[in-house]
Amino acid sequence: MQVGDVTERVKEFFQDEYNAMTLYRELAEIEGDDEMKRRLMEISAMERSHMDFWRSFLERRGVRVEGGGRASRSDTSNSRGGSSAYPSSPPSSHYLSP
């Protein structure tokens, strides 16, 4: 497996963790039961930790990650924009689209 192939797979892992984090947080926001809400927020925090791990992994390899999910090679002209904060809702399009 080539380094580029691994990087692309890790970008997908990063995006999956972002999507899961967002989903659990949004489910918690609409959940009426306090215990279930707390558990959903705990799971969201775990997914955030996983996402941060993959963010660090990518950044150590020269892939810039902005906001909640966008990643691009910092040494190419194919950079993608993004916000500096985690969005409050999931993106309408995949953050790591080609």
C-alpha atoms as a PDB file:
ATOM      1  CA  MET A   1       0.000   0.000   0.000  1.00  0.00           C
ATOM      2  CA  GLN A   2       1.334   3.424  -0.972  1.00  0.00           C
ATOM      3  CA  VAL A   3       1.622   6.352   1.462  1.00  0.00           C
ATOM      4  CA  GLY A   4      -0.966   8.319  -0.537  1.00  0.00           C
ATOM      5  CA  ASP A   5      -3.414   5.428  -0.293  1.00  0.00           C
ATOM      6  CA  VAL A   6      -2.978   5.293   3.494  1.00  0.00           C
ATOM      7  CA  THR A   7      -3.461   9.046   3.759  1.00  0.00           C
ATOM      8  CA  GLU A   8      -6.683   8.871   1.761  1.00  0.00           C
ATOM      9  CA  ARG A   9      -7.998   6.086   4.005  1.00  0.00           C
ATOM     10  CA  VAL A  10      -7.091   8.067   7.118  1.00  0.00           C
ATOM     11  CA  LYS A  11      -8.965  11.073   5.712  1.00  0.00           C
ATOM     12  CA  GLU A  12     -12.002   8.805   5.465  1.00  0.00           C
ATOM     13  CA  PHE A  13     -11.507   7.633   9.063  1.00  0.00           C
ATOM     14  CA  PHE A  14     -11.262  11.258  10.173  1.00  0.00           C
ATOM     15  CA  GLN A  15     -14.481  12.127   8.343  1.00  0.00           C
ATOM     16  CA  ASP A  16     -16.284   9.117   9.809  1.00  0.00           C
ATOM     17  CA  GLU A  17     -15.322  10.175  13.337  1.00  0.00           C
ATOM     18  CA  TYR A  18     -16.485  13.732  12.638  1.00  0.00           C
ATOM     19  CA  ASN A  19     -19.818  12.477  11.329  1.00  0.00           C
ATOM     20  CA  ALA A  20     -20.316  10.182  14.332  1.00  0.00           C
ATOM     21  CA  MET A  21     -19.379  12.947  16.794  1.00  0.00           C
ATOM     22  CA  THR A  22     -21.894  15.274  15.184  1.00  0.00           C
ATOM     23  CA  LEU A  23     -24.645  12.663  15.036  1.00  0.00           C
ATOM     24  CA  TYR A  24     -24.351  11.735  18.717  1.00  0.00           C
ATOM     25  CA  ARG A  25     -24.266  15.388  19.748  1.00  0.00           C
ATOM     26  CA  GLU A  26     -27.366  16.180  17.693  1.00  0.00           C
ATOM     27  CA  LEU A  27     -29.188  13.145  19.081  1.00  0.00           C
ATOM     28  CA  ALA A  28     -28.326  14.339  22.597  1.00  0.00           C
ATOM     29  CA  GLU A  29     -29.728  17.782  21.808  1.00  0.00           C
ATOM     30  CA  ILE A  30     -33.161  16.341  20.997  1.00  0.00           C
ATOM     31  CA  GLU A  31     -33.184  13.568  23.627  1.00  0.00           C
ATOM     32  CA  GLY A  32     -35.665  14.103  26.454  1.00  0.00           C
ATOM     33  CA  ASP A  33     -34.241  11.581  28.911  1.00  0.00           C
ATOM     34  CA  ASP A  34     -31.383  13.117  30.908  1.00  0.00           C
ATOM     35  CA  GLU A  35     -29.490   9.836  31.360  1.00  0.00           C
ATOM     36  CA  MET A  36     -29.654   9.035  27.642  1.00  0.00           C
ATOM     37  CA  LYS A  37     -28.628  12.603  26.825  1.00  0.00           C
ATOM     38  CA  ARG A  38     -25.584  12.262  29.101  1.00  0.00           C
ATOM     39  CA  ARG A  39     -24.609   8.943  27.519  1.00  0.00           C
ATOM     40  CA  LEU A  40     -24.946  10.327  24.000  1.00  0.00           C
ATOM     41  CA  MET A  41     -22.727  13.276  24.927  1.00  0.00           C
ATOM     42  CA  GLU A  42     -20.134  10.868  26.355  1.00  0.00           C
ATOM     43  CA  ILE A  43     -20.119   8.924  23.101  1.00  0.00           C
ATOM     44  CA  SER A  44     -19.845  12.188  21.149  1.00  0.00           C
ATOM     45  CA  ALA A  45     -16.809  13.118  23.261  1.00  0.00           C
ATOM     46  CA  MET A  46     -15.206   9.727  22.520  1.00  0.00           C
ATOM     47  CA  GLU A  47     -15.747  10.247  18.801  1.00  0.00           C
ATOM     48  CA  ARG A  48     -14.196  13.724  19.128  1.00  0.00           C
ATOM     49  CA  SER A  49     -11.150  12.132  20.745  1.00  0.00           C
ATOM     50  CA  HIS A  50     -10.875   9.665  17.854  1.00  0.00           C
ATOM     51  CA  MET A  51     -11.276  12.505  15.356  1.00  0.00           C
ATOM     52  CA  ASP A  52      -8.541  14.508  17.107  1.00  0.00           C
ATOM     53  CA  PHE A  53      -6.239  11.475  16.930  1.00  0.00           C
ATOM     54  CA  TRP A  54      -6.697  11.206  13.158  1.00  0.00           C
ATOM     55  CA  ARG A  55      -6.318  15.010  12.830  1.00  0.00           C
ATOM     56  CA  SER A  56      -2.933  14.799  14.535  1.00  0.00           C
ATOM     57  CA  PHE A  57      -1.948  11.804  12.410  1.00  0.00           C
ATOM     58  CA  LEU A  58      -2.772  13.707   9.217  1.00  0.00           C
ATOM     59  CA  GLU A  59      -1.132  16.964  10.284  1.00  0.00           C
ATOM     60  CA  ARG A  60       2.122  15.154  11.119  1.00  0.00           C
ATOM     61  CA  ARG A  61       2.099  14.010   7.488  1.00  0.00           C
ATOM     62  CA  GLY A  62       1.594  17.458   6.006  1.00  0.00           C
ATOM     63  CA  VAL A  63      -2.176  17.269   5.597  1.00  0.00           C
ATOM     64  CA  ARG A  64      -3.795  20.405   6.958  1.00  0.00           C
ATOM     65  CA  VAL A  65      -7.084  19.834   8.731  1.00  0.00           C
ATOM     66  CA  GLU A  66      -9.396  22.786   9.304  1.00  0.00           C
ATOM     67  CA  GLY A  67     -12.501  23.020  11.404  1.00  0.00           C
ATOM     68  CA  GLY A  68     -14.533  19.908  11.872  1.00  0.00           C
ATOM     69  CA  GLY A  69     -13.537  17.915   8.892  1.00  0.00           C
ATOM     70  CA  ARG A  70     -11.740  19.373   5.930  1.00  0.00           C
ATOM     71  CA  ALA A  71      -8.305  18.061   5.108  1.00  0.00           C
ATOM     72  CA  SER A  72      -5.946  19.031   2.327  1.00  0.00           C
ATOM     73  CA  ARG A  73      -2.287  18.693   1.493  1.00  0.00           C
ATOM     74  CA  SER A  74      -0.548  21.832   2.680  1.00  0.00           C
ATOM     75  CA  ASP A  75       2.073  21.477  -0.035  1.00  0.00           C
ATOM     76  CA  THR A  76      -0.308  21.386  -3.011  1.00  0.00           C
ATOM     77  CA  SER A  77      -2.573  23.846  -4.734  1.00  0.00           C
ATOM     78  CA  ASN A  78      -5.574  21.590  -4.063  1.00  0.00           C
ATOM     79  CA  SER A  79      -6.407  23.128  -0.691  1.00  0.00           C
ATOM     80  CA  ARG A  80      -9.937  23.274   0.577  1.00  0.00           C
ATOM     81  CA  GLY A  81     -11.404  25.956   2.787  1.00  0.00           C
ATOM     82  CA  GLY A  82     -13.085  25.529   6.134  1.00  0.00           C
ATOM     83  CA  SER A  83     -14.024  27.197   9.343  1.00  0.00           C
ATOM     84  CA  SER A  84     -11.830  27.210  12.405  1.00  0.00           C
ATOM     85  CA  ALA A  85     -14.562  25.901  14.708  1.00  0.00           C
ATOM     86  CA  TYR A  86     -16.476  22.666  14.750  1.00  0.00           C
ATOM     87  CA  PRO A  87     -19.759  23.182  12.921  1.00  0.00           C
ATOM     88  CA  SER A  88     -22.924  22.789  14.948  1.00  0.00           C
ATOM     89  CA  SER A  89     -24.534  20.589  12.321  1.00  0.00           C
ATOM     90  CA  PRO A  90     -23.207  18.003   9.894  1.00  0.00           C
ATOM     91  CA  PRO A  91     -22.032  19.224   6.507  1.00  0.00           C
ATOM     92  CA  SER A  92     -24.344  18.928   3.560  1.00  0.00           C
ATOM     93  CA  SER A  93     -21.513  17.508   1.504  1.00  0.00           C
ATOM     94  CA  HIS A  94     -18.656  15.225   2.432  1.00  0.00           C
ATOM     95  CA  TYR A  95     -15.779  17.262   3.932  1.00  0.00           C
ATOM     96  CA  LEU A  96     -13.139  15.097   2.344  1.00  0.00           C
ATOM     97  CA  SER A  97     -14.526  14.817  -1.135  1.00  0.00           C
ATOM     98  CA  PRO A  98     -11.942  14.492  -3.911  1.00  0.00           C
END
